[in-house]
Amino acid sequence: MKLKLLVQTQEFQNWPATKDRAASTSHNLVCIDMSQPAECRMTESISYRLKDEEIPKYWDKVMDKVIEVICRRFAHSKSGKASLIGEIVETQPAGK
């Protein structure tokens, strides 16, 4: 499934190591669905978690731009927040 998403904000998170897990970080783009027709859009914001190889290409570079993402799956945090897992295939200015 392909989605067009407007990048609104970025979130960086890090978690310290515990006895069960290594330390980790995440770079997330918080987006709004821009799918057409408008009545078919998701009504809540969704995060796209950048892969390590995507961080230098997109972090701090896609704010207020539309990204086209191939969605492979959705993941949900313990609090129920949805994150999109996939890959960015295109970026464009928000006006297009």
Protein backbone atom coordinates (compact mmCIF):
# COMPACT_ATOMS: atom_id res chain seq x y z
CA MET A 1 0.00 0.00 0.00
CA LYS A 2 1.33 3.48 -0.88
CA LEU A 3 0.55 6.44 1.35
CA LYS A 4 1.16 10.16 0.86
CA LEU A 5 2.05 11.74 4.19
CA LEU A 6 2.71 15.36 5.16
CA VAL A 7 5.62 15.52 7.63
CA GLN A 8 4.61 17.78 10.54
CA THR A 9 7.28 17.19 13.18
CA GLN A 10 10.17 14.93 14.09
CA GLU A 11 10.67 12.95 17.28
CA PHE A 12 13.95 11.55 18.55
CA GLN A 13 13.81 9.01 21.35
CA ASN A 14 16.45 7.02 23.14
CA TRP A 15 16.25 4.27 25.71
CA PRO A 16 19.06 3.28 28.05
CA ALA A 17 20.34 -0.26 28.25
CA THR A 18 18.70 -2.57 30.75
CA LYS A 19 19.63 -6.05 31.89
CA ASP A 20 17.32 -7.43 29.18
CA ARG A 21 17.97 -5.01 26.29
CA ALA A 22 20.72 -3.00 24.66
CA ALA A 23 20.38 0.78 24.47
CA SER A 24 18.43 1.97 21.43
CA THR A 25 17.30 5.10 19.63
CA SER A 26 14.60 5.99 17.12
CA HIS A 27 14.14 8.83 14.65
CA ASN A 28 10.44 9.28 13.81
CA LEU A 29 8.67 11.54 11.34
CA VAL A 30 5.21 12.47 12.67
CA CYS A 31 2.89 12.74 9.68
CA ILE A 32 -0.66 13.42 8.54
CA ASP A 33 -2.28 11.29 5.85
CA MET A 34 -2.76 13.20 2.59
CA SER A 35 -4.50 10.40 0.67
CA GLN A 36 -7.22 11.16 -1.84
CA PRO A 37 -10.16 11.33 -1.60
CA ALA A 38 -9.93 13.28 1.66
CA GLU A 39 -12.79 11.37 3.30
CA CYS A 40 -10.65 8.20 3.12
CA ARG A 41 -7.75 9.64 5.16
CA MET A 42 -6.66 8.37 8.56
CA THR A 43 -7.92 10.78 11.20
CA GLU A 44 -4.95 10.64 13.59
CA SER A 45 -1.29 11.41 13.04
CA ILE A 46 1.02 8.52 12.34
CA SER A 47 4.75 8.11 12.88
CA TYR A 48 7.16 6.79 10.30
CA ARG A 49 10.30 5.35 11.91
CA LEU A 50 13.37 6.05 9.82
CA LYS A 51 15.73 3.17 9.17
CA ASP A 52 19.43 3.75 9.93
CA GLU A 53 20.25 4.29 6.24
CA GLU A 54 17.37 6.80 5.86
CA ILE A 55 18.41 9.05 8.77
CA PRO A 56 21.13 11.03 6.91
CA LYS A 57 18.92 11.39 3.83
CA TYR A 58 15.66 12.51 5.49
CA TRP A 59 16.26 13.68 9.10
CA ASP A 60 15.96 17.50 9.24
CA LYS A 61 15.30 17.58 5.47
CA VAL A 62 11.62 16.70 4.96
CA MET A 63 9.78 18.97 7.38
CA ASP A 64 6.60 20.36 5.75
CA LYS A 65 7.09 18.11 2.72
CA VAL A 66 4.97 15.27 1.42
CA ILE A 67 6.60 11.85 1.44
CA GLU A 68 5.30 8.85 -0.42
CA VAL A 69 5.76 5.69 1.62
CA ILE A 70 5.31 2.06 0.74
CA CYS A 71 3.64 0.64 3.83
CA ARG A 72 4.71 -2.87 4.78
CA ARG A 73 2.96 -2.97 8.15
CA PHE A 74 1.80 -0.97 11.16
CA ALA A 75 3.34 -1.39 14.60
CA HIS A 76 1.71 -0.24 17.83
CA SER A 77 3.42 0.89 21.01
CA LYS A 78 2.25 -0.27 24.41
CA SER A 79 0.28 2.98 24.65
CA GLY A 80 -1.44 2.20 21.32
CA LYS A 81 0.37 4.78 19.15
CA ALA A 82 0.69 3.58 15.55
CA SER A 83 3.97 3.60 13.61
CA LEU A 84 4.31 2.84 9.94
CA ILE A 85 6.98 0.37 8.82
CA GLY A 86 8.04 0.55 5.18
CA GLU A 87 10.20 2.71 2.95
CA ILE A 88 10.16 6.24 1.56
CA VAL A 89 10.04 6.21 -2.23
CA GLU A 90 9.51 9.91 -3.02
CA THR A 91 9.49 13.38 -1.46
CA GLN A 92 7.89 16.55 -2.80
CA PRO A 93 7.00 20.04 -1.59
CA ALA A 94 3.73 20.20 0.35
CA GLY A 95 1.94 22.30 -2.29
CA LYS A 96 1.85 19.51 -4.91
